[in-house]
Amino acid sequence: MIIWNLFFSTVLLPLVAIALLWHKSRRPAGPWLATLILTSGMVGFSVLAAPWGWFGLALRFILVLLFAVSVFGSWRRPPSDPPREESPVRMLLKIIIGFFFGMVAVGVLSGHSVPAGVVD
């Protein structure tokens, strides 16, 4: 059960977010930006905070590569005709979730530094 939970939060959720970003067009900009924030927060959390010893370090770099490809692909994707509307509540929820995962990733980075004045 623990392995499944780790796999779900480490690999599957970021892959779903990457797929969402891949299918978005950058026009209109609001929904694309909300999806970009969500995806970058989830991928950042996964890359920095996940125990990659379970699934291999190569998968970690594959996630980063897929994220970069999805950003480039969604940037180049022409807008859908007619553009699909996204509710402001959904965009706000994506931004909140993305910032939550991003702040956890930043917290992981700050945990790697040694505070000043420690005793050897």
PDB file of N, CA and C in Angstrom:
ATOM      1  N   MET A   1       0.822  -1.194   0.000  1.00  0.00           N
ATOM      2  CA  MET A   1       0.000   0.000   0.000  1.00  0.00           C
ATOM      3  C   MET A   1       0.865   1.257   0.000  1.00  0.00           C
ATOM      4  N   ILE A   2       1.952   1.221   0.763  1.00  0.00           N
ATOM      5  CA  ILE A   2       2.834   2.386   0.824  1.00  0.00           C
ATOM      6  C   ILE A   2       3.462   2.644  -0.543  1.00  0.00           C
ATOM      7  N   ILE A   3       3.858   1.570  -1.226  1.00  0.00           N
ATOM      8  CA  ILE A   3       4.468   1.726  -2.548  1.00  0.00           C
ATOM      9  C   ILE A   3       3.473   2.372  -3.508  1.00  0.00           C
ATOM     10  N   TRP A   4       2.219   1.942  -3.468  1.00  0.00           N
ATOM     11  CA  TRP A   4       1.209   2.509  -4.353  1.00  0.00           C
ATOM     12  C   TRP A   4       1.023   3.998  -4.061  1.00  0.00           C
ATOM     13  N   ASN A   5       0.952   4.381  -2.785  1.00  0.00           N
ATOM     14  CA  ASN A   5       0.790   5.791  -2.431  1.00  0.00           C
ATOM     15  C   ASN A   5       1.981   6.613  -2.918  1.00  0.00           C
ATOM     16  N   LEU A   6       3.187   6.082  -2.740  1.00  0.00           N
ATOM     17  CA  LEU A   6       4.373   6.786  -3.223  1.00  0.00           C
ATOM     18  C   LEU A   6       4.351   6.913  -4.747  1.00  0.00           C
ATOM     19  N   PHE A   7       3.993   5.844  -5.440  1.00  0.00           N
ATOM     20  CA  PHE A   7       3.930   5.876  -6.894  1.00  0.00           C
ATOM     21  C   PHE A   7       2.880   6.867  -7.376  1.00  0.00           C
ATOM     22  N   PHE A   8       1.750   6.892  -6.705  1.00  0.00           N
ATOM     23  CA  PHE A   8       0.675   7.809  -7.083  1.00  0.00           C
ATOM     24  C   PHE A   8       1.106   9.262  -6.932  1.00  0.00           C
ATOM     25  N   SER A   9       1.661   9.605  -5.767  1.00  0.00           N
ATOM     26  CA  SER A   9       2.027  11.002  -5.514  1.00  0.00           C
ATOM     27  C   SER A   9       3.319  11.419  -6.185  1.00  0.00           C
ATOM     28  N   THR A  10       4.206  10.472  -6.451  1.00  0.00           N
ATOM     29  CA  THR A  10       5.504  10.798  -7.025  1.00  0.00           C
ATOM     30  C   THR A  10       5.500  10.787  -8.541  1.00  0.00           C
ATOM     31  N   VAL A  11       4.773   9.848  -9.136  1.00  0.00           N
ATOM     32  CA  VAL A  11       4.846   9.664 -10.582  1.00  0.00           C
ATOM     33  C   VAL A  11       3.518   9.989 -11.278  1.00  0.00           C
ATOM     34  N   LEU A  12       2.436   9.397 -10.817  1.00  0.00           N
ATOM     35  CA  LEU A  12       1.175   9.532 -11.543  1.00  0.00           C
ATOM     36  C   LEU A  12       0.601  10.953 -11.511  1.00  0.00           C
ATOM     37  N   LEU A  13       0.552  11.585 -10.353  1.00  0.00           N
ATOM     38  CA  LEU A  13       0.009  12.946 -10.292  1.00  0.00           C
ATOM     39  C   LEU A  13       0.798  13.934 -11.152  1.00  0.00           C
ATOM     40  N   PRO A  14       2.131  13.936 -11.091  1.00  0.00           N
ATOM     41  CA  PRO A  14       2.857  14.829 -12.000  1.00  0.00           C
ATOM     42  C   PRO A  14       2.637  14.494 -13.471  1.00  0.00           C
ATOM     43  N   LEU A  15       2.503  13.206 -13.809  1.00  0.00           N
ATOM     44  CA  LEU A  15       2.252  12.844 -15.203  1.00  0.00           C
ATOM     45  C   LEU A  15       0.881  13.335 -15.676  1.00  0.00           C
ATOM     46  N   VAL A  16      -0.118  13.280 -14.813  1.00  0.00           N
ATOM     47  CA  VAL A  16      -1.441  13.808 -15.164  1.00  0.00           C
ATOM     48  C   VAL A  16      -1.363  15.316 -15.364  1.00  0.00           C
ATOM     49  N   ALA A  17      -0.639  16.006 -14.492  1.00  0.00           N
ATOM     50  CA  ALA A  17      -0.492  17.456 -14.642  1.00  0.00           C
ATOM     51  C   ALA A  17       0.277  17.801 -15.920  1.00  0.00           C
ATOM     52  N   ILE A  18       1.295  17.021 -16.248  1.00  0.00           N
ATOM     53  CA  ILE A  18       2.050  17.239 -17.490  1.00  0.00           C
ATOM     54  C   ILE A  18       1.144  17.027 -18.699  1.00  0.00           C
ATOM     55  N   ALA A  19       0.292  16.008 -18.648  1.00  0.00           N
ATOM     56  CA  ALA A  19      -0.643  15.766 -19.754  1.00  0.00           C
ATOM     57  C   ALA A  19      -1.651  16.908 -19.887  1.00  0.00           C
ATOM     58  N   LEU A  20      -2.117  17.438 -18.755  1.00  0.00           N
ATOM     59  CA  LEU A  20      -3.017  18.592 -18.810  1.00  0.00           C
ATOM     60  C   LEU A  20      -2.345  19.784 -19.488  1.00  0.00           C
ATOM     61  N   LEU A  21      -1.099  20.034 -19.127  1.00  0.00           N
ATOM     62  CA  LEU A  21      -0.378  21.150 -19.725  1.00  0.00           C
ATOM     63  C   LEU A  21      -0.124  20.907 -21.206  1.00  0.00           C
ATOM     64  N   TRP A  22       0.196  19.681 -21.575  1.00  0.00           N
ATOM     65  CA  TRP A  22       0.472  19.356 -22.970  1.00  0.00           C
ATOM     66  C   TRP A  22      -0.738  19.666 -23.859  1.00  0.00           C
ATOM     67  N   HIS A  23      -1.937  19.429 -23.342  1.00  0.00           N
ATOM     68  CA  HIS A  23      -3.147  19.631 -24.137  1.00  0.00           C
ATOM     69  C   HIS A  23      -3.667  21.064 -24.102  1.00  0.00           C
ATOM     70  N   LYS A  24      -3.057  21.933 -23.308  1.00  0.00           N
ATOM     71  CA  LYS A  24      -3.480  23.335 -23.236  1.00  0.00           C
ATOM     72  C   LYS A  24      -2.785  24.150 -24.309  1.00  0.00           C
ATOM     73  N   SER A  25      -3.499  25.118 -24.812  1.00  0.00           N
ATOM     74  CA  SER A  25      -2.904  26.121 -25.683  1.00  0.00           C
ATOM     75  C   SER A  25      -2.597  27.343 -24.835  1.00  0.00           C
ATOM     76  N   ARG A  26      -1.614  28.122 -25.241  1.00  0.00           N
ATOM     77  CA  ARG A  26      -1.279  29.289 -24.414  1.00  0.00           C
ATOM     78  C   ARG A  26      -2.266  30.430 -24.601  1.00  0.00           C
ATOM     79  N   ARG A  27      -3.196  30.289 -25.500  1.00  0.00           N
ATOM     80  CA  ARG A  27      -4.261  31.270 -25.682  1.00  0.00           C
ATOM     81  C   ARG A  27      -5.579  30.618 -25.389  1.00  0.00           C
ATOM     82  N   PRO A  28      -6.374  31.114 -24.514  1.00  0.00           N
ATOM     83  CA  PRO A  28      -6.215  32.279 -23.657  1.00  0.00           C
ATOM     84  C   PRO A  28      -5.168  32.031 -22.563  1.00  0.00           C
ATOM     85  N   ALA A  29      -4.543  33.095 -22.140  1.00  0.00           N
ATOM     86  CA  ALA A  29      -3.379  32.997 -21.263  1.00  0.00           C
ATOM     87  C   ALA A  29      -3.731  32.588 -19.834  1.00  0.00           C
ATOM     88  N   GLY A  30      -4.887  32.972 -19.317  1.00  0.00           N
ATOM     89  CA  GLY A  30      -5.247  32.678 -17.926  1.00  0.00           C
ATOM     90  C   GLY A  30      -5.287  31.198 -17.606  1.00  0.00           C
ATOM     91  N   PRO A  31      -6.063  30.403 -18.345  1.00  0.00           N
ATOM     92  CA  PRO A  31      -6.082  28.969 -18.045  1.00  0.00           C
ATOM     93  C   PRO A  31      -4.733  28.294 -18.280  1.00  0.00           C
ATOM     94  N   TRP A  32      -3.994  28.755 -19.283  1.00  0.00           N
ATOM     95  CA  TRP A  32      -2.685  28.164 -19.527  1.00  0.00           C
ATOM     96  C   TRP A  32      -1.735  28.448 -18.370  1.00  0.00           C
ATOM     97  N   LEU A  33      -1.749  29.677 -17.881  1.00  0.00           N
ATOM     98  CA  LEU A  33      -0.866  30.041 -16.772  1.00  0.00           C
ATOM     99  C   LEU A  33      -1.240  29.281 -15.500  1.00  0.00           C
ATOM    100  N   ALA A  34      -2.535  29.122 -15.239  1.00  0.00           N
ATOM    101  CA  ALA A  34      -2.966  28.357 -14.061  1.00  0.00           C
ATOM    102  C   ALA A  34      -2.507  26.905 -14.163  1.00  0.00           C
ATOM    103  N   THR A  35      -2.609  26.321 -15.355  1.00  0.00           N
ATOM    104  CA  THR A  35      -2.169  24.940 -15.543  1.00  0.00           C
ATOM    105  C   THR A  35      -0.655  24.846 -15.441  1.00  0.00           C
ATOM    106  N   LEU A  36       0.069  25.854 -15.922  1.00  0.00           N
ATOM    107  CA  LEU A  36       1.529  25.873 -15.799  1.00  0.00           C
ATOM    108  C   LEU A  36       1.957  25.933 -14.340  1.00  0.00           C
ATOM    109  N   ILE A  37       1.287  26.744 -13.535  1.00  0.00           N
ATOM    110  CA  ILE A  37       1.613  26.841 -12.107  1.00  0.00           C
ATOM    111  C   ILE A  37       1.332  25.512 -11.410  1.00  0.00           C
ATOM    112  N   LEU A  38       0.188  24.905 -11.732  1.00  0.00           N
ATOM    113  CA  LEU A  38      -0.143  23.609 -11.150  1.00  0.00           C
ATOM    114  C   LEU A  38       0.902  22.561 -11.505  1.00  0.00           C
ATOM    115  N   THR A  39       1.254  22.492 -12.773  1.00  0.00           N
ATOM    116  CA  THR A  39       2.200  21.469 -13.223  1.00  0.00           C
ATOM    117  C   THR A  39       3.591  21.702 -12.653  1.00  0.00           C
ATOM    118  N   SER A  40       4.054  22.937 -12.663  1.00  0.00           N
ATOM    119  CA  SER A  40       5.397  23.195 -12.141  1.00  0.00           C
ATOM    120  C   SER A  40       5.467  22.937 -10.641  1.00  0.00           C
ATOM    121  N   GLY A  41       4.409  23.246  -9.904  1.00  0.00           N
ATOM    122  CA  GLY A  41       4.400  22.948  -8.473  1.00  0.00           C
ATOM    123  C   GLY A  41       4.438  21.458  -8.200  1.00  0.00           C
ATOM    124  N   MET A  42       3.640  20.700  -8.957  1.00  0.00           N
ATOM    125  CA  MET A  42       3.589  19.255  -8.726  1.00  0.00           C
ATOM    126  C   MET A  42       4.876  18.568  -9.173  1.00  0.00           C
ATOM    127  N   VAL A  43       5.427  18.986 -10.294  1.00  0.00           N
ATOM    128  CA  VAL A  43       6.680  18.381 -10.756  1.00  0.00           C
ATOM    129  C   VAL A  43       7.822  18.776  -9.826  1.00  0.00           C
ATOM    130  N   GLY A  44       7.853  20.033  -9.395  1.00  0.00           N
ATOM    131  CA  GLY A  44       8.886  20.466  -8.455  1.00  0.00           C
ATOM    132  C   GLY A  44       8.822  19.705  -7.147  1.00  0.00           C
ATOM    133  N   PHE A  45       7.615  19.511  -6.633  1.00  0.00           N
ATOM    134  CA  PHE A  45       7.456  18.724  -5.412  1.00  0.00           C
ATOM    135  C   PHE A  45       7.944  17.301  -5.627  1.00  0.00           C
ATOM    136  N   SER A  46       7.546  16.714  -6.734  1.00  0.00           N
ATOM    137  CA  SER A  46       7.907  15.330  -7.000  1.00  0.00           C
ATOM    138  C   SER A  46       9.419  15.170  -7.149  1.00  0.00           C
ATOM    139  N   VAL A  47      10.039  16.076  -7.872  1.00  0.00           N
ATOM    140  CA  VAL A  47      11.479  15.961  -8.125  1.00  0.00           C
ATOM    141  C   VAL A  47      12.285  16.205  -6.853  1.00  0.00           C
ATOM    142  N   LEU A  48      11.856  17.159  -6.033  1.00  0.00           N
ATOM    143  CA  LEU A  48      12.666  17.539  -4.872  1.00  0.00           C
ATOM    144  C   LEU A  48      12.330  16.773  -3.591  1.00  0.00           C
ATOM    145  N   ALA A  49      11.075  16.396  -3.412  1.00  0.00           N
ATOM    146  CA  ALA A  49      10.673  15.845  -2.121  1.00  0.00           C
ATOM    147  C   ALA A  49      10.438  14.344  -2.124  1.00  0.00           C
ATOM    148  N   ALA A  50      10.351  13.735  -3.265  1.00  0.00           N
ATOM    149  CA  ALA A  50       9.997  12.312  -3.321  1.00  0.00           C
ATOM    150  C   ALA A  50      11.211  11.427  -3.047  1.00  0.00           C
ATOM    151  N   PRO A  51      10.980  10.268  -2.452  1.00  0.00           N
ATOM    152  CA  PRO A  51      12.067   9.314  -2.248  1.00  0.00           C
ATOM    153  C   PRO A  51      12.324   8.526  -3.531  1.00  0.00           C
ATOM    154  N   TRP A  52      13.225   8.997  -4.353  1.00  0.00           N
ATOM    155  CA  TRP A  52      13.430   8.414  -5.677  1.00  0.00           C
ATOM    156  C   TRP A  52      14.188   7.099  -5.651  1.00  0.00           C
ATOM    157  N   GLY A  53      14.621   6.664  -4.501  1.00  0.00           N
ATOM    158  CA  GLY A  53      15.265   5.362  -4.402  1.00  0.00           C
ATOM    159  C   GLY A  53      14.311   4.217  -4.714  1.00  0.00           C
ATOM    160  N   TRP A  54      13.027   4.450  -4.562  1.00  0.00           N
ATOM    161  CA  TRP A  54      12.041   3.413  -4.848  1.00  0.00           C
ATOM    162  C   TRP A  54      11.854   3.184  -6.337  1.00  0.00           C
ATOM    163  N   PHE A  55      11.942   4.234  -7.127  1.00  0.00           N
ATOM    164  CA  PHE A  55      11.589   4.143  -8.542  1.00  0.00           C
ATOM    165  C   PHE A  55      12.743   4.418  -9.485  1.00  0.00           C
ATOM    166  N   GLY A  56      13.876   4.814  -8.968  1.00  0.00           N
ATOM    167  CA  GLY A  56      15.048   5.064  -9.791  1.00  0.00           C
ATOM    168  C   GLY A  56      15.209   6.536 -10.139  1.00  0.00           C
ATOM    169  N   LEU A  57      16.443   6.983 -10.134  1.00  0.00           N
ATOM    170  CA  LEU A  57      16.727   8.383 -10.425  1.00  0.00           C
ATOM    171  C   LEU A  57      16.455   8.741 -11.876  1.00  0.00           C
ATOM    172  N   ALA A  58      16.518   7.771 -12.775  1.00  0.00           N
ATOM    173  CA  ALA A  58      16.269   8.066 -14.189  1.00  0.00           C
ATOM    174  C   ALA A  58      14.847   8.570 -14.395  1.00  0.00           C
ATOM    175  N   LEU A  59      13.894   8.033 -13.658  1.00  0.00           N
ATOM    176  CA  LEU A  59      12.507   8.480 -13.788  1.00  0.00           C
ATOM    177  C   LEU A  59      12.346   9.928 -13.343  1.00  0.00           C
ATOM    178  N   ARG A  60      13.147  10.335 -12.395  1.00  0.00           N
ATOM    179  CA  ARG A  60      13.134  11.728 -11.929  1.00  0.00           C
ATOM    180  C   ARG A  60      13.504  12.666 -13.069  1.00  0.00           C
ATOM    181  N   PHE A  61      14.549  12.333 -13.801  1.00  0.00           N
ATOM    182  CA  PHE A  61      14.981  13.187 -14.907  1.00  0.00           C
ATOM    183  C   PHE A  61      14.025  13.093 -16.093  1.00  0.00           C
ATOM    184  N   ILE A  62      13.384  11.949 -16.253  1.00  0.00           N
ATOM    185  CA  ILE A  62      12.385  11.806 -17.310  1.00  0.00           C
ATOM    186  C   ILE A  62      11.194  12.725 -17.033  1.00  0.00           C
ATOM    187  N   LEU A  63      10.795  12.841 -15.767  1.00  0.00           N
ATOM    188  CA  LEU A  63       9.705  13.760 -15.421  1.00  0.00           C
ATOM    189  C   LEU A  63      10.065  15.203 -15.749  1.00  0.00           C
ATOM    190  N   VAL A  64      11.278  15.599 -15.434  1.00  0.00           N
ATOM    191  CA  VAL A  64      11.719  16.960 -15.749  1.00  0.00           C
ATOM    192  C   VAL A  64      11.744  17.179 -17.262  1.00  0.00           C
ATOM    193  N   LEU A  65      12.231  16.202 -17.999  1.00  0.00           N
ATOM    194  CA  LEU A  65      12.259  16.302 -19.456  1.00  0.00           C
ATOM    195  C   LEU A  65      10.847  16.377 -20.034  1.00  0.00           C
ATOM    196  N   LEU A  66       9.941  15.546 -19.543  1.00  0.00           N
ATOM    197  CA  LEU A  66       8.552  15.592 -20.005  1.00  0.00           C
ATOM    198  C   LEU A  66       7.895  16.929 -19.681  1.00  0.00           C
ATOM    199  N   PHE A  67       8.223  17.485 -18.524  1.00  0.00           N
ATOM    200  CA  PHE A  67       7.697  18.802 -18.168  1.00  0.00           C
ATOM    201  C   PHE A  67       8.180  19.860 -19.155  1.00  0.00           C
ATOM    202  N   ALA A  68       9.470  19.846 -19.457  1.00  0.00           N
ATOM    203  CA  ALA A  68      10.013  20.827 -20.401  1.00  0.00           C
ATOM    204  C   ALA A  68       9.395  20.660 -21.787  1.00  0.00           C
ATOM    205  N   VAL A  69       9.219  19.426 -22.220  1.00  0.00           N
ATOM    206  CA  VAL A  69       8.607  19.176 -23.528  1.00  0.00           C
ATOM    207  C   VAL A  69       7.152  19.645 -23.531  1.00  0.00           C
ATOM    208  N   SER A  70       6.437  19.428 -22.437  1.00  0.00           N
ATOM    209  CA  SER A  70       5.037  19.847 -22.395  1.00  0.00           C
ATOM    210  C   SER A  70       4.900  21.369 -22.367  1.00  0.00           C
ATOM    211  N   VAL A  71       5.813  22.063 -21.694  1.00  0.00           N
ATOM    212  CA  VAL A  71       5.778  23.530 -21.713  1.00  0.00           C
ATOM    213  C   VAL A  71       6.022  24.033 -23.132  1.00  0.00           C
ATOM    214  N   PHE A  72       7.018  23.486 -23.786  1.00  0.00           N
ATOM    215  CA  PHE A  72       7.319  23.900 -25.153  1.00  0.00           C
ATOM    216  C   PHE A  72       6.173  23.546 -26.094  1.00  0.00           C
ATOM    217  N   GLY A  73       5.626  22.335 -25.953  1.00  0.00           N
ATOM    218  CA  GLY A  73       4.539  21.906 -26.825  1.00  0.00           C
ATOM    219  C   GLY A  73       3.273  22.722 -26.642  1.00  0.00           C
ATOM    220  N   SER A  74       2.941  23.042 -25.400  1.00  0.00           N
ATOM    221  CA  SER A  74       1.739  23.843 -25.168  1.00  0.00           C
ATOM    222  C   SER A  74       1.944  25.288 -25.598  1.00  0.00           C
ATOM    223  N   TRP A  75       3.168  25.776 -25.520  1.00  0.00           N
ATOM    224  CA  TRP A  75       3.462  27.136 -25.972  1.00  0.00           C
ATOM    225  C   TRP A  75       3.281  27.242 -27.488  1.00  0.00           C
ATOM    226  N   ARG A  76       3.655  26.192 -28.187  1.00  0.00           N
ATOM    227  CA  ARG A  76       3.581  26.209 -29.651  1.00  0.00           C
ATOM    228  C   ARG A  76       2.208  25.786 -30.186  1.00  0.00           C
ATOM    229  N   ARG A  77       1.350  25.202 -29.345  1.00  0.00           N
ATOM    230  CA  ARG A  77       0.057  24.709 -29.794  1.00  0.00           C
ATOM    231  C   ARG A  77      -0.847  25.874 -30.191  1.00  0.00           C
ATOM    232  N   PRO A  78      -1.459  25.777 -31.363  1.00  0.00           N
ATOM    233  CA  PRO A  78      -2.383  26.846 -31.765  1.00  0.00           C
ATOM    234  C   PRO A  78      -3.643  26.813 -30.896  1.00  0.00           C
ATOM    235  N   PRO A  79      -4.284  27.952 -30.711  1.00  0.00           N
ATOM    236  CA  PRO A  79      -5.489  27.978 -29.876  1.00  0.00           C
ATOM    237  C   PRO A  79      -6.606  27.147 -30.509  1.00  0.00           C
ATOM    238  N   SER A  80      -7.393  26.525 -29.647  1.00  0.00           N
ATOM    239  CA  SER A  80      -8.514  25.737 -30.149  1.00  0.00           C
ATOM    240  C   SER A  80      -9.585  26.679 -30.684  1.00  0.00           C
ATOM    241  N   ASP A  81     -10.358  26.173 -31.610  1.00  0.00           N
ATOM    242  CA  ASP A  81     -11.376  27.024 -32.232  1.00  0.00           C
ATOM    243  C   ASP A  81     -12.736  26.425 -31.987  1.00  0.00           C
ATOM    244  N   PRO A  82     -13.605  26.959 -31.220  1.00  0.00           N
ATOM    245  CA  PRO A  82     -13.480  28.152 -30.376  1.00  0.00           C
ATOM    246  C   PRO A  82     -12.723  27.814 -29.086  1.00  0.00           C
ATOM    247  N   PRO A  83     -12.074  28.803 -28.491  1.00  0.00           N
ATOM    248  CA  PRO A  83     -11.319  28.518 -27.261  1.00  0.00           C
ATOM    249  C   PRO A  83     -12.247  28.050 -26.142  1.00  0.00           C
ATOM    250  N   ARG A  84     -11.795  27.019 -25.434  1.00  0.00           N
ATOM    251  CA  ARG A  84     -12.596  26.499 -24.332  1.00  0.00           C
ATOM    252  C   ARG A  84     -12.466  27.428 -23.136  1.00  0.00           C
ATOM    253  N   GLU A  85     -13.603  27.741 -22.565  1.00  0.00           N
ATOM    254  CA  GLU A  85     -13.619  28.594 -21.379  1.00  0.00           C
ATOM    255  C   GLU A  85     -13.338  27.757 -20.136  1.00  0.00           C
ATOM    256  N   GLU A  86     -12.671  28.357 -19.188  1.00  0.00           N
ATOM    257  CA  GLU A  86     -12.402  27.699 -17.911  1.00  0.00           C
ATOM    258  C   GLU A  86     -12.875  28.635 -16.820  1.00  0.00           C
ATOM    259  N   SER A  87     -13.576  28.089 -15.846  1.00  0.00           N
ATOM    260  CA  SER A  87     -14.148  28.937 -14.801  1.00  0.00           C
ATOM    261  C   SER A  87     -13.042  29.538 -13.931  1.00  0.00           C
ATOM    262  N   PRO A  88     -13.284  30.741 -13.420  1.00  0.00           N
ATOM    263  CA  PRO A  88     -12.293  31.361 -12.531  1.00  0.00           C
ATOM    264  C   PRO A  88     -12.044  30.548 -11.264  1.00  0.00           C
ATOM    265  N   VAL A  89     -13.051  29.845 -10.791  1.00  0.00           N
ATOM    266  CA  VAL A  89     -12.877  29.024  -9.586  1.00  0.00           C
ATOM    267  C   VAL A  89     -11.904  27.887  -9.871  1.00  0.00           C
ATOM    268  N   ARG A  90     -12.040  27.277 -11.035  1.00  0.00           N
ATOM    269  CA  ARG A  90     -11.131  26.187 -11.394  1.00  0.00           C
ATOM    270  C   ARG A  90      -9.697  26.693 -11.558  1.00  0.00           C
ATOM    271  N   MET A  91      -9.541  27.863 -12.189  1.00  0.00           N
ATOM    272  CA  MET A  91      -8.196  28.431 -12.336  1.00  0.00           C
ATOM    273  C   MET A  91      -7.598  28.760 -10.977  1.00  0.00           C
ATOM    274  N   LEU A  92      -8.404  29.334 -10.085  1.00  0.00           N
ATOM    275  CA  LEU A  92      -7.918  29.668  -8.748  1.00  0.00           C
ATOM    276  C   LEU A  92      -7.528  28.407  -7.979  1.00  0.00           C
ATOM    277  N   LEU A  93      -8.301  27.357  -8.117  1.00  0.00           N
ATOM    278  CA  LEU A  93      -7.980  26.099  -7.449  1.00  0.00           C
ATOM    279  C   LEU A  93      -6.671  25.511  -7.973  1.00  0.00           C
ATOM    280  N   LYS A  94      -6.456  25.582  -9.285  1.00  0.00           N
ATOM    281  CA  LYS A  94      -5.186  25.114  -9.853  1.00  0.00           C
ATOM    282  C   LYS A  94      -4.014  25.911  -9.299  1.00  0.00           C
ATOM    283  N   ILE A  95      -4.168  27.216  -9.200  1.00  0.00           N
ATOM    284  CA  ILE A  95      -3.087  28.073  -8.698  1.00  0.00           C
ATOM    285  C   ILE A  95      -2.797  27.771  -7.225  1.00  0.00           C
ATOM    286  N   ILE A  96      -3.846  27.595  -6.432  1.00  0.00           N
ATOM    287  CA  ILE A  96      -3.655  27.301  -5.005  1.00  0.00           C
ATOM    288  C   ILE A  96      -2.944  25.965  -4.824  1.00  0.00           C
ATOM    289  N   ILE A  97      -3.376  24.934  -5.541  1.00  0.00           N
ATOM    290  CA  ILE A  97      -2.738  23.622  -5.435  1.00  0.00           C
ATOM    291  C   ILE A  97      -1.292  23.686  -5.913  1.00  0.00           C
ATOM    292  N   GLY A  98      -1.047  24.405  -7.018  1.00  0.00           N
ATOM    293  CA  GLY A  98       0.316  24.550  -7.522  1.00  0.00           C
ATOM    294  C   GLY A  98       1.227  25.262  -6.542  1.00  0.00           C
ATOM    295  N   PHE A  99       0.725  26.337  -5.920  1.00  0.00           N
ATOM    296  CA  PHE A  99       1.536  27.056  -4.940  1.00  0.00           C
ATOM    297  C   PHE A  99       1.763  26.208  -3.687  1.00  0.00           C
ATOM    298  N   PHE A 100       0.779  25.415  -3.291  1.00  0.00           N
ATOM    299  CA  PHE A 100       0.978  24.536  -2.130  1.00  0.00           C
ATOM    300  C   PHE A 100       2.110  23.551  -2.383  1.00  0.00           C
ATOM    301  N   PHE A 101       2.049  22.851  -3.515  1.00  0.00           N
ATOM    302  CA  PHE A 101       3.103  21.895  -3.831  1.00  0.00           C
ATOM    303  C   PHE A 101       4.441  22.604  -4.044  1.00  0.00           C
ATOM    304  N   GLY A 102       4.424  23.774  -4.636  1.00  0.00           N
ATOM    305  CA  GLY A 102       5.654  24.540  -4.844  1.00  0.00           C
ATOM    306  C   GLY A 102       6.283  24.994  -3.544  1.00  0.00           C
ATOM    307  N   MET A 103       5.455  25.400  -2.589  1.00  0.00           N
ATOM    308  CA  MET A 103       6.000  25.832  -1.302  1.00  0.00           C
ATOM    309  C   MET A 103       6.597  24.656  -0.522  1.00  0.00           C
ATOM    310  N   VAL A 104       6.000  23.486  -0.660  1.00  0.00           N
ATOM    311  CA  VAL A 104       6.588  22.294  -0.028  1.00  0.00           C
ATOM    312  C   VAL A 104       7.950  22.009  -0.669  1.00  0.00           C
ATOM    313  N   ALA A 105       8.045  22.154  -1.993  1.00  0.00           N
ATOM    314  CA  ALA A 105       9.326  21.938  -2.678  1.00  0.00           C
ATOM    315  C   ALA A 105      10.360  22.960  -2.223  1.00  0.00           C
ATOM    316  N   VAL A 106       9.957  24.215  -2.042  1.00  0.00           N
ATOM    317  CA  VAL A 106      10.888  25.239  -1.548  1.00  0.00           C
ATOM    318  C   VAL A 106      11.305  24.919  -0.113  1.00  0.00           C
ATOM    319  N   GLY A 107      10.372  24.413   0.681  1.00  0.00           N
ATOM    320  CA  GLY A 107      10.705  23.998   2.043  1.00  0.00           C
ATOM    321  C   GLY A 107      11.722  22.870   2.067  1.00  0.00           C
ATOM    322  N   VAL A 108      11.613  21.963   1.107  1.00  0.00           N
ATOM    323  CA  VAL A 108      12.599  20.877   1.007  1.00  0.00           C
ATOM    324  C   VAL A 108      13.963  21.447   0.679  1.00  0.00           C
ATOM    325  N   LEU A 109      14.009  22.412  -0.232  1.00  0.00           N
ATOM    326  CA  LEU A 109      15.295  23.040  -0.568  1.00  0.00           C
ATOM    327  C   LEU A 109      15.893  23.757   0.632  1.00  0.00           C
ATOM    328  N   SER A 110      15.078  24.443   1.424  1.00  0.00           N
ATOM    329  CA  SER A 110      15.623  25.139   2.590  1.00  0.00           C
ATOM    330  C   SER A 110      16.068  24.159   3.663  1.00  0.00           C
ATOM    331  N   GLY A 111      15.543  22.950   3.651  1.00  0.00           N
ATOM    332  CA  GLY A 111      15.975  21.941   4.618  1.00  0.00           C
ATOM    333  C   GLY A 111      17.347  21.369   4.332  1.00  0.00           C
ATOM    334  N   HIS A 112      17.861  21.617   3.147  1.00  0.00           N
ATOM    335  CA  HIS A 112      19.192  21.101   2.803  1.00  0.00           C
ATOM    336  C   HIS A 112      20.315  22.031   3.244  1.00  0.00           C
ATOM    337  N   SER A 113      19.988  23.252   3.641  1.00  0.00           N
ATOM    338  CA  SER A 113      21.036  24.184   4.066  1.00  0.00           C
ATOM    339  C   SER A 113      21.266  24.066   5.572  1.00  0.00           C
ATOM    340  N   VAL A 114      22.466  24.383   5.975  1.00  0.00           N
ATOM    341  CA  VAL A 114      22.839  24.318   7.387  1.00  0.00           C
ATOM    342  C   VAL A 114      22.686  25.713   7.966  1.00  0.00           C
ATOM    343  N   PRO A 115      21.951  25.856   9.079  1.00  0.00           N
ATOM    344  CA  PRO A 115      21.791  27.171   9.673  1.00  0.00           C
ATOM    345  C   PRO A 115      23.115  27.695  10.235  1.00  0.00           C
ATOM    346  N   ALA A 116      23.211  29.007  10.311  1.00  0.00           N
ATOM    347  CA  ALA A 116      24.430  29.635  10.838  1.00  0.00           C
ATOM    348  C   ALA A 116      24.562  29.368  12.331  1.00  0.00           C
ATOM    349  N   GLY A 117      25.779  29.213  12.785  1.00  0.00           N
ATOM    350  CA  GLY A 117      26.058  29.050  14.205  1.00  0.00           C
ATOM    351  C   GLY A 117      25.911  27.626  14.730  1.00  0.00           C
ATOM    352  N   VAL A 118      25.945  26.644  13.864  1.00  0.00           N
ATOM    353  CA  VAL A 118      25.843  25.256  14.355  1.00  0.00           C
ATOM    354  C   VAL A 118      27.207  24.806  14.874  1.00  0.00           C
ATOM    355  N   VAL A 119      27.160  23.870  15.760  1.00  0.00           N
ATOM    356  CA  VAL A 119      28.382  23.341  16.349  1.00  0.00           C
ATOM    357  C   VAL A 119      28.814  22.115  15.558  1.00  0.00           C
ATOM    358  N   ASP A 120      30.102  22.063  15.206  1.00  0.00           N
ATOM    359  CA  ASP A 120      30.626  20.892  14.480  1.00  0.00           C
ATOM    360  C   ASP A 120      30.608  19.671  15.366  1.00  0.00           C
TER     361      ASP A 120
END
